[in-house]
All heavy atoms as atom14 arrays in JSON, in Angstrom:
{
  "sequence": "VSAINLCSELKEAYPEYNFVPVYWMATEDHDFEEINYFNFNG",
  "atom14_mask": [
    [1, 1, 1, 1, 1, 1, 1, 0, 0, 0, 0, 0, 0, 0],
    [1, 1, 1, 1, 1, 1, 0, 0, 0, 0, 0, 0, 0, 0],
    [1, 1, 1, 1, 1, 0, 0, 0, 0, 0, 0, 0, 0, 0],
    [1, 1, 1, 1, 1, 1, 1, 1, 0, 0, 0, 0, 0, 0],
    [1, 1, 1, 1, 1, 1, 1, 1, 0, 0, 0, 0, 0, 0],
    [1, 1, 1, 1, 1, 1, 1, 1, 0, 0, 0, 0, 0, 0],
    [1, 1, 1, 1, 1, 1, 0, 0, 0, 0, 0, 0, 0, 0],
    [1, 1, 1, 1, 1, 1, 0, 0, 0, 0, 0, 0, 0, 0],
    [1, 1, 1, 1, 1, 1, 1, 1, 1, 0, 0, 0, 0, 0],
    [1, 1, 1, 1, 1, 1, 1, 1, 0, 0, 0, 0, 0, 0],
    [1, 1, 1, 1, 1, 1, 1, 1, 1, 0, 0, 0, 0, 0],
    [1, 1, 1, 1, 1, 1, 1, 1, 1, 0, 0, 0, 0, 0],
    [1, 1, 1, 1, 1, 0, 0, 0, 0, 0, 0, 0, 0, 0],
    [1, 1, 1, 1, 1, 1, 1, 1, 1, 1, 1, 1, 0, 0],
    [1, 1, 1, 1, 1, 1, 1, 0, 0, 0, 0, 0, 0, 0],
    [1, 1, 1, 1, 1, 1, 1, 1, 1, 0, 0, 0, 0, 0],
    [1, 1, 1, 1, 1, 1, 1, 1, 1, 1, 1, 1, 0, 0],
    [1, 1, 1, 1, 1, 1, 1, 1, 0, 0, 0, 0, 0, 0],
    [1, 1, 1, 1, 1, 1, 1, 1, 1, 1, 1, 0, 0, 0],
    [1, 1, 1, 1, 1, 1, 1, 0, 0, 0, 0, 0, 0, 0],
    [1, 1, 1, 1, 1, 1, 1, 0, 0, 0, 0, 0, 0, 0],
    [1, 1, 1, 1, 1, 1, 1, 0, 0, 0, 0, 0, 0, 0],
    [1, 1, 1, 1, 1, 1, 1, 1, 1, 1, 1, 1, 0, 0],
    [1, 1, 1, 1, 1, 1, 1, 1, 1, 1, 1, 1, 1, 1],
    [1, 1, 1, 1, 1, 1, 1, 1, 0, 0, 0, 0, 0, 0],
    [1, 1, 1, 1, 1, 0, 0, 0, 0, 0, 0, 0, 0, 0],
    [1, 1, 1, 1, 1, 1, 1, 0, 0, 0, 0, 0, 0, 0],
    [1, 1, 1, 1, 1, 1, 1, 1, 1, 0, 0, 0, 0, 0],
    [1, 1, 1, 1, 1, 1, 1, 1, 0, 0, 0, 0, 0, 0],
    [1, 1, 1, 1, 1, 1, 1, 1, 1, 1, 0, 0, 0, 0],
    [1, 1, 1, 1, 1, 1, 1, 1, 0, 0, 0, 0, 0, 0],
    [1, 1, 1, 1, 1, 1, 1, 1, 1, 1, 1, 0, 0, 0],
    [1, 1, 1, 1, 1, 1, 1, 1, 1, 0, 0, 0, 0, 0],
    [1, 1, 1, 1, 1, 1, 1, 1, 1, 0, 0, 0, 0, 0],
    [1, 1, 1, 1, 1, 1, 1, 1, 0, 0, 0, 0, 0, 0],
    [1, 1, 1, 1, 1, 1, 1, 1, 0, 0, 0, 0, 0, 0],
    [1, 1, 1, 1, 1, 1, 1, 1, 1, 1, 1, 1, 0, 0],
    [1, 1, 1, 1, 1, 1, 1, 1, 1, 1, 1, 0, 0, 0],
    [1, 1, 1, 1, 1, 1, 1, 1, 0, 0, 0, 0, 0, 0],
    [1, 1, 1, 1, 1, 1, 1, 1, 1, 1, 1, 0, 0, 0],
    [1, 1, 1, 1, 1, 1, 1, 1, 0, 0, 0, 0, 0, 0],
    [1, 1, 1, 1, 0, 0, 0, 0, 0, 0, 0, 0, 0, 0]
  ],
  "atom14_positions": [
    [[4.04, -3.32, -0.32], [4.54, -4.65, -0.68], [3.8, -5.73, 0.13], [3.52, -6.82, -0.38], [6.06, -4.75, -0.49], [6.55, -6.18, -0.68], [6.78, -3.82, -1.48], [0.0, 0.0, 0.0], [0.0, 0.0, 0.0], [0.0, 0.0, 0.0], [0.0, 0.0, 0.0], [0.0, 0.0, 0.0], [0.0, 0.0, 0.0], [0.0, 0.0, 0.0]],
    [[3.44, -5.43, 1.37], [2.64, -6.37, 2.16], [1.33, -6.67, 1.45], [0.89, -7.83, 1.39], [2.35, -5.79, 3.56], [3.53, -5.64, 4.31], [0.0, 0.0, 0.0], [0.0, 0.0, 0.0], [0.0, 0.0, 0.0], [0.0, 0.0, 0.0], [0.0, 0.0, 0.0], [0.0, 0.0, 0.0], [0.0, 0.0, 0.0], [0.0, 0.0, 0.0]],
    [[0.7, -5.64, 0.9], [-0.56, -5.83, 0.17], [-0.35, -6.64, -1.1], [-1.13, -7.56, -1.41], [-1.19, -4.47, -0.15], [0.0, 0.0, 0.0], [0.0, 0.0, 0.0], [0.0, 0.0, 0.0], [0.0, 0.0, 0.0], [0.0, 0.0, 0.0], [0.0, 0.0, 0.0], [0.0, 0.0, 0.0], [0.0, 0.0, 0.0], [0.0, 0.0, 0.0]],
    [[0.69, -6.32, -1.84], [1.0, -7.04, -3.09], [1.25, -8.52, -2.8], [0.7, -9.41, -3.47], [2.22, -6.41, -3.79], [1.87, -5.02, -4.33], [2.74, -7.3, -4.91], [3.06, -4.2, -4.77], [0.0, 0.0, 0.0], [0.0, 0.0, 0.0], [0.0, 0.0, 0.0], [0.0, 0.0, 0.0], [0.0, 0.0, 0.0], [0.0, 0.0, 0.0]],
    [[2.06, -8.79, -1.8], [2.43, -10.18, -1.5], [1.27, -10.98, -0.92], [1.15, -12.19, -1.16], [3.64, -10.22, -0.57], [4.93, -9.89, -1.3], [4.92, -9.58, -2.49], [6.05, -9.95, -0.61], [0.0, 0.0, 0.0], [0.0, 0.0, 0.0], [0.0, 0.0, 0.0], [0.0, 0.0, 0.0], [0.0, 0.0, 0.0], [0.0, 0.0, 0.0]],
    [[0.41, -10.31, -0.14], [-0.76, -11.01, 0.39], [-1.7, -11.42, -0.75], [-2.25, -12.53, -0.73], [-1.5, -10.15, 1.41], [-2.74, -10.81, 2.04], [-2.41, -12.14, 2.69], [-3.38, -9.87, 3.06], [0.0, 0.0, 0.0], [0.0, 0.0, 0.0], [0.0, 0.0, 0.0], [0.0, 0.0, 0.0], [0.0, 0.0, 0.0], [0.0, 0.0, 0.0]],
    [[-1.84, -10.56, -1.74], [-2.66, -10.91, -2.91], [-2.12, -12.16, -3.6], [-2.88, -13.05, -3.99], [-2.71, -9.74, -3.89], [-3.76, -8.37, -3.34], [0.0, 0.0, 0.0], [0.0, 0.0, 0.0], [0.0, 0.0, 0.0], [0.0, 0.0, 0.0], [0.0, 0.0, 0.0], [0.0, 0.0, 0.0], [0.0, 0.0, 0.0], [0.0, 0.0, 0.0]],
    [[-0.81, -12.23, -3.73], [-0.2, -13.4, -4.37], [-0.45, -14.66, -3.56], [-0.77, -15.72, -4.11], [1.32, -13.19, -4.53], [1.58, -12.06, -5.35], [0.0, 0.0, 0.0], [0.0, 0.0, 0.0], [0.0, 0.0, 0.0], [0.0, 0.0, 0.0], [0.0, 0.0, 0.0], [0.0, 0.0, 0.0], [0.0, 0.0, 0.0], [0.0, 0.0, 0.0]],
    [[-0.33, -14.54, -2.24], [-0.53, -15.69, -1.36], [-1.99, -16.17, -1.41], [-2.26, -17.37, -1.44], [-0.14, -15.31, 0.07], [-0.03, -16.48, 1.02], [0.6, -16.13, 2.35], [1.22, -15.04, 2.46], [0.47, -16.94, 3.28], [0.0, 0.0, 0.0], [0.0, 0.0, 0.0], [0.0, 0.0, 0.0], [0.0, 0.0, 0.0], [0.0, 0.0, 0.0]],
    [[-2.93, -15.22, -1.45], [-4.34, -15.59, -1.49], [-4.73, -16.19, -2.84], [-5.56, -17.1, -2.91], [-5.2, -14.36, -1.19], [-5.12, -13.83, 0.25], [-5.93, -12.55, 0.39], [-5.61, -14.88, 1.25], [0.0, 0.0, 0.0], [0.0, 0.0, 0.0], [0.0, 0.0, 0.0], [0.0, 0.0, 0.0], [0.0, 0.0, 0.0], [0.0, 0.0, 0.0]],
    [[-4.13, -15.68, -3.92], [-4.41, -16.23, -5.25], [-3.97, -17.69, -5.33], [-4.64, -18.53, -5.95], [-3.7, -15.4, -6.32], [-3.98, -15.84, -7.76], [-5.46, -15.67, -8.13], [-5.71, -16.02, -9.58], [-7.15, -15.97, -9.93], [0.0, 0.0, 0.0], [0.0, 0.0, 0.0], [0.0, 0.0, 0.0], [0.0, 0.0, 0.0], [0.0, 0.0, 0.0]],
    [[-2.87, -17.99, -4.67], [-2.38, -19.37, -4.65], [-3.34, -20.26, -3.86], [-3.6, -21.42, -4.23], [-0.98, -19.4, -4.02], [-0.28, -20.73, -4.17], [1.17, -20.68, -3.7], [1.83, -19.65, -3.92], [1.61, -21.67, -3.11], [0.0, 0.0, 0.0], [0.0, 0.0, 0.0], [0.0, 0.0, 0.0], [0.0, 0.0, 0.0], [0.0, 0.0, 0.0]],
    [[-3.9, -19.72, -2.78], [-4.8, -20.5, -1.93], [-6.2, -20.62, -2.55], [-6.86, -21.65, -2.39], [-4.89, -19.87, -0.55], [0.0, 0.0, 0.0], [0.0, 0.0, 0.0], [0.0, 0.0, 0.0], [0.0, 0.0, 0.0], [0.0, 0.0, 0.0], [0.0, 0.0, 0.0], [0.0, 0.0, 0.0], [0.0, 0.0, 0.0], [0.0, 0.0, 0.0]],
    [[-6.63, -19.55, -3.23], [-8.0, -19.5, -3.78], [-7.95, -19.05, -5.25], [-8.31, -17.92, -5.58], [-8.87, -18.55, -2.96], [-8.9, -18.87, -1.49], [-8.28, -18.03, -0.56], [-9.52, -20.03, -1.02], [-8.3, -18.33, 0.8], [-9.54, -20.35, 0.33], [-8.93, -19.49, 1.24], [-8.94, -19.81, 2.57], [0.0, 0.0, 0.0], [0.0, 0.0, 0.0]],
    [[-7.49, -19.92, -6.14], [-7.29, -19.53, -7.55], [-8.57, -19.13, -8.28], [-8.5, -18.49, -9.33], [-6.66, -20.78, -8.17], [-7.01, -21.91, -7.25], [-7.1, -21.32, -5.9], [0.0, 0.0, 0.0], [0.0, 0.0, 0.0], [0.0, 0.0, 0.0], [0.0, 0.0, 0.0], [0.0, 0.0, 0.0], [0.0, 0.0, 0.0], [0.0, 0.0, 0.0]],
    [[-9.73, -19.49, -7.74], [-10.98, -19.14, -8.4], [-11.36, -17.66, -8.2], [-12.31, -17.16, -8.83], [-12.13, -20.04, -7.88], [-12.5, -19.85, -6.43], [-11.68, -20.69, -5.44], [-10.52, -21.02, -5.76], [-12.21, -20.99, -4.36], [0.0, 0.0, 0.0], [0.0, 0.0, 0.0], [0.0, 0.0, 0.0], [0.0, 0.0, 0.0], [0.0, 0.0, 0.0]],
    [[-10.63, -16.96, -7.33], [-10.88, -15.54, -7.08], [-9.7, -14.7, -7.55], [-8.57, -15.2, -7.71], [-11.13, -15.29, -5.59], [-12.34, -16.0, -5.04], [-12.2, -17.13, -4.24], [-13.63, -15.54, -5.32], [-13.31, -17.79, -3.72], [-14.75, -16.2, -4.82], [-14.58, -17.32, -4.02], [-15.68, -17.97, -3.53], [0.0, 0.0, 0.0], [0.0, 0.0, 0.0]],
    [[-9.95, -13.41, -7.73], [-8.88, -12.46, -8.06], [-8.66, -11.53, -6.87], [-9.63, -11.12, -6.21], [-9.26, -11.62, -9.29], [-9.59, -12.49, -10.49], [-8.83, -13.38, -10.84], [-10.74, -12.22, -11.11], [0.0, 0.0, 0.0], [0.0, 0.0, 0.0], [0.0, 0.0, 0.0], [0.0, 0.0, 0.0], [0.0, 0.0, 0.0], [0.0, 0.0, 0.0]],
    [[-7.41, -11.18, -6.63], [-7.06, -10.32, -5.5], [-6.21, -9.16, -6.01], [-5.18, -9.38, -6.65], [-6.32, -11.12, -4.43], [-7.13, -12.3, -3.94], [-6.94, -13.56, -4.49], [-8.09, -12.14, -2.95], [-7.69, -14.65, -4.07], [-8.84, -13.22, -2.52], [-8.65, -14.48, -3.07], [0.0, 0.0, 0.0], [0.0, 0.0, 0.0], [0.0, 0.0, 0.0]],
    [[-6.65, -7.96, -5.71], [-6.03, -6.75, -6.25], [-5.43, -5.91, -5.12], [-6.15, -5.5, -4.2], [-7.07, -5.91, -7.02], [-6.47, -4.59, -7.49], [-7.63, -6.7, -8.2], [0.0, 0.0, 0.0], [0.0, 0.0, 0.0], [0.0, 0.0, 0.0], [0.0, 0.0, 0.0], [0.0, 0.0, 0.0], [0.0, 0.0, 0.0], [0.0, 0.0, 0.0]],
    [[-4.11, -5.62, -5.17], [-3.51, -4.75, -4.15], [-3.87, -3.29, -4.41], [-3.78, -2.81, -5.55], [-2.01, -4.98, -4.32], [-1.86, -5.39, -5.76], [-3.12, -6.11, -6.14], [0.0, 0.0, 0.0], [0.0, 0.0, 0.0], [0.0, 0.0, 0.0], [0.0, 0.0, 0.0], [0.0, 0.0, 0.0], [0.0, 0.0, 0.0], [0.0, 0.0, 0.0]],
    [[-4.28, -2.59, -3.37], [-4.72, -1.19, -3.5], [-3.92, -0.3, -2.55], [-3.76, -0.62, -1.37], [-6.23, -1.06, -3.2], [-6.62, 0.41, -2.98], [-7.05, -1.65, -4.33], [0.0, 0.0, 0.0], [0.0, 0.0, 0.0], [0.0, 0.0, 0.0], [0.0, 0.0, 0.0], [0.0, 0.0, 0.0], [0.0, 0.0, 0.0], [0.0, 0.0, 0.0]],
    [[-3.44, 0.8, -3.09], [-2.87, 1.89, -2.27], [-3.87, 3.03, -2.27], [-4.15, 3.63, -3.31], [-1.52, 2.35, -2.82], [-1.07, 3.71, -2.32], [-1.11, 4.02, -0.95], [-0.63, 4.69, -3.19], [-0.71, 5.27, -0.49], [-0.22, 5.94, -2.74], [-0.28, 6.22, -1.38], [0.1, 7.47, -0.94], [0.0, 0.0, 0.0], [0.0, 0.0, 0.0]],
    [[-4.42, 3.32, -1.1], [-5.38, 4.41, -0.93], [-4.6, 5.67, -0.57], [-4.02, 5.76, 0.5], [-6.38, 4.05, 0.18], [-7.43, 5.08, 0.44], [-7.26, 6.29, 1.07], [-8.81, 5.01, 0.08], [-8.44, 6.96, 1.12], [-9.42, 6.21, 0.53], [-9.59, 4.06, -0.57], [-10.78, 6.47, 0.35], [-10.94, 4.32, -0.74], [-11.52, 5.51, -0.29]],
    [[-4.6, 6.64, -1.48], [-3.88, 7.88, -1.23], [-4.69, 8.79, -0.29], [-5.87, 9.07, -0.55], [-3.63, 8.64, -2.54], [-2.7, 7.94, -3.49], [-2.13, 9.07, -4.79], [-3.65, 9.4, -5.66], [0.0, 0.0, 0.0], [0.0, 0.0, 0.0], [0.0, 0.0, 0.0], [0.0, 0.0, 0.0], [0.0, 0.0, 0.0], [0.0, 0.0, 0.0]],
    [[-4.06, 9.26, 0.75], [-4.73, 10.16, 1.7], [-4.68, 11.59, 1.17], [-4.07, 12.48, 1.76], [-4.08, 10.05, 3.07], [0.0, 0.0, 0.0], [0.0, 0.0, 0.0], [0.0, 0.0, 0.0], [0.0, 0.0, 0.0], [0.0, 0.0, 0.0], [0.0, 0.0, 0.0], [0.0, 0.0, 0.0], [0.0, 0.0, 0.0], [0.0, 0.0, 0.0]],
    [[-5.36, 11.8, 0.04], [-5.28, 13.09, -0.65], [-5.98, 14.22, 0.1], [-5.69, 15.39, -0.12], [-5.9, 12.98, -2.06], [-7.24, 12.5, -1.94], [-5.1, 12.03, -2.92], [0.0, 0.0, 0.0], [0.0, 0.0, 0.0], [0.0, 0.0, 0.0], [0.0, 0.0, 0.0], [0.0, 0.0, 0.0], [0.0, 0.0, 0.0], [0.0, 0.0, 0.0]],
    [[-6.92, 13.87, 0.99], [-7.71, 14.89, 1.67], [-7.16, 15.28, 3.03], [-7.74, 16.12, 3.71], [-9.16, 14.43, 1.78], [-9.83, 14.31, 0.43], [-11.29, 13.92, 0.49], [-11.76, 13.48, 1.57], [-11.96, 14.05, -0.54], [0.0, 0.0, 0.0], [0.0, 0.0, 0.0], [0.0, 0.0, 0.0], [0.0, 0.0, 0.0], [0.0, 0.0, 0.0]],
    [[-6.05, 14.67, 3.44], [-5.41, 15.09, 4.7], [-4.98, 16.55, 4.59], [-4.71, 17.06, 3.5], [-4.18, 14.23, 4.99], [-4.55, 12.94, 5.71], [-5.75, 12.65, 5.81], [-3.64, 12.23, 6.14], [0.0, 0.0, 0.0], [0.0, 0.0, 0.0], [0.0, 0.0, 0.0], [0.0, 0.0, 0.0], [0.0, 0.0, 0.0], [0.0, 0.0, 0.0]],
    [[-4.89, 17.22, 5.73], [-4.44, 18.61, 5.7], [-3.21, 18.85, 6.59], [-2.83, 19.99, 6.82], [-5.58, 19.56, 6.12], [-6.18, 19.24, 7.47], [-7.36, 18.54, 7.61], [-5.77, 19.53, 8.71], [-7.65, 18.42, 8.89], [-6.7, 19.01, 9.58], [0.0, 0.0, 0.0], [0.0, 0.0, 0.0], [0.0, 0.0, 0.0], [0.0, 0.0, 0.0]],
    [[-2.6, 17.78, 7.06], [-1.43, 17.91, 7.95], [-0.15, 18.01, 7.13], [0.63, 17.04, 7.03], [-1.36, 16.74, 8.92], [-2.56, 16.69, 9.85], [-2.96, 17.77, 10.32], [-3.09, 15.59, 10.09], [0.0, 0.0, 0.0], [0.0, 0.0, 0.0], [0.0, 0.0, 0.0], [0.0, 0.0, 0.0], [0.0, 0.0, 0.0], [0.0, 0.0, 0.0]],
    [[0.08, 19.16, 6.54], [1.22, 19.34, 5.64], [2.56, 19.12, 6.35], [3.5, 18.56, 5.77], [1.17, 20.76, 5.04], [2.28, 21.07, 4.08], [2.38, 20.4, 2.86], [3.24, 22.02, 4.39], [3.41, 20.68, 1.98], [4.27, 22.31, 3.52], [4.36, 21.64, 2.3], [0.0, 0.0, 0.0], [0.0, 0.0, 0.0], [0.0, 0.0, 0.0]],
    [[2.65, 19.54, 7.6], [3.92, 19.43, 8.33], [4.34, 17.97, 8.55], [5.5, 17.7, 8.82], [3.82, 20.14, 9.68], [3.6, 21.65, 9.58], [4.72, 22.36, 8.83], [5.9, 22.01, 9.07], [4.42, 23.25, 8.01], [0.0, 0.0, 0.0], [0.0, 0.0, 0.0], [0.0, 0.0, 0.0], [0.0, 0.0, 0.0], [0.0, 0.0, 0.0]],
    [[3.41, 17.05, 8.43], [3.75, 15.63, 8.6], [4.33, 15.02, 7.33], [4.94, 13.95, 7.38], [2.5, 14.84, 9.02], [1.99, 15.17, 10.41], [0.8, 14.3, 10.8], [0.47, 13.37, 10.02], [0.22, 14.55, 11.86], [0.0, 0.0, 0.0], [0.0, 0.0, 0.0], [0.0, 0.0, 0.0], [0.0, 0.0, 0.0], [0.0, 0.0, 0.0]],
    [[4.13, 15.68, 6.19], [4.49, 15.04, 4.92], [5.49, 15.83, 4.09], [5.89, 15.37, 3.02], [3.22, 14.81, 4.06], [2.62, 16.15, 3.63], [2.2, 13.96, 4.81], [1.62, 16.04, 2.5], [0.0, 0.0, 0.0], [0.0, 0.0, 0.0], [0.0, 0.0, 0.0], [0.0, 0.0, 0.0], [0.0, 0.0, 0.0], [0.0, 0.0, 0.0]],
    [[5.93, 17.0, 4.54], [6.69, 17.9, 3.67], [8.2, 17.7, 3.72], [8.96, 18.61, 3.39], [6.36, 19.36, 4.01], [6.9, 19.77, 5.37], [7.11, 18.94, 6.24], [7.11, 21.07, 5.56], [0.0, 0.0, 0.0], [0.0, 0.0, 0.0], [0.0, 0.0, 0.0], [0.0, 0.0, 0.0], [0.0, 0.0, 0.0], [0.0, 0.0, 0.0]],
    [[8.65, 16.52, 4.11], [10.1, 16.27, 4.19], [10.38, 14.78, 4.08], [9.49, 13.94, 4.21], [10.66, 16.8, 5.51], [10.19, 16.01, 6.71], [10.96, 14.96, 7.21], [8.97, 16.28, 7.33], [10.53, 14.21, 8.29], [8.53, 15.55, 8.4], [9.31, 14.51, 8.88], [8.87, 13.75, 9.94], [0.0, 0.0, 0.0], [0.0, 0.0, 0.0]],
    [[11.64, 14.45, 3.83], [12.12, 13.08, 3.98], [13.56, 13.15, 4.46], [14.24, 14.17, 4.29], [11.97, 12.28, 2.68], [12.79, 12.78, 1.52], [14.05, 12.25, 1.25], [12.3, 13.77, 0.68], [14.8, 12.71, 0.17], [13.03, 14.23, -0.4], [14.28, 13.7, -0.66], [0.0, 0.0, 0.0], [0.0, 0.0, 0.0], [0.0, 0.0, 0.0]],
    [[14.02, 12.06, 5.08], [15.37, 12.01, 5.65], [16.29, 11.21, 4.73], [15.98, 10.09, 4.34], [15.34, 11.36, 7.04], [14.55, 12.18, 8.03], [14.72, 13.39, 8.12], [13.67, 11.53, 8.77], [0.0, 0.0, 0.0], [0.0, 0.0, 0.0], [0.0, 0.0, 0.0], [0.0, 0.0, 0.0], [0.0, 0.0, 0.0], [0.0, 0.0, 0.0]],
    [[17.42, 11.83, 4.41], [18.41, 11.18, 3.56], [19.78, 11.34, 4.19], [20.26, 12.46, 4.39], [18.4, 11.8, 2.15], [19.42, 11.21, 1.22], [19.17, 10.0, 0.58], [20.63, 11.85, 0.98], [20.11, 9.44, -0.28], [21.57, 11.3, 0.13], [21.31, 10.09, -0.5], [0.0, 0.0, 0.0], [0.0, 0.0, 0.0], [0.0, 0.0, 0.0]],
    [[20.42, 10.2, 4.55], [21.74, 10.22, 5.18], [21.79, 11.16, 6.38], [22.74, 11.93, 6.55], [22.82, 10.6, 4.16], [23.19, 9.44, 3.27], [22.98, 8.28, 3.61], [23.74, 9.74, 2.1], [0.0, 0.0, 0.0], [0.0, 0.0, 0.0], [0.0, 0.0, 0.0], [0.0, 0.0, 0.0], [0.0, 0.0, 0.0], [0.0, 0.0, 0.0]],
    [[20.75, 11.11, 7.19], [20.72, 11.9, 8.42], [20.34, 13.35, 8.23], [20.3, 14.11, 9.2], [0.0, 0.0, 0.0], [0.0, 0.0, 0.0], [0.0, 0.0, 0.0], [0.0, 0.0, 0.0], [0.0, 0.0, 0.0], [0.0, 0.0, 0.0], [0.0, 0.0, 0.0], [0.0, 0.0, 0.0], [0.0, 0.0, 0.0], [0.0, 0.0, 0.0]]
  ]
}
């Protein structure tokens, strides 16, 4: 959302340019133990 909103702010300041928010997926990471869970209600 920070990326999306910054694009909007920059477009307002510099309407002659286009600003595109990008999410770069870390698909090549190999640290499975860092990503294999999420916390819900503790």
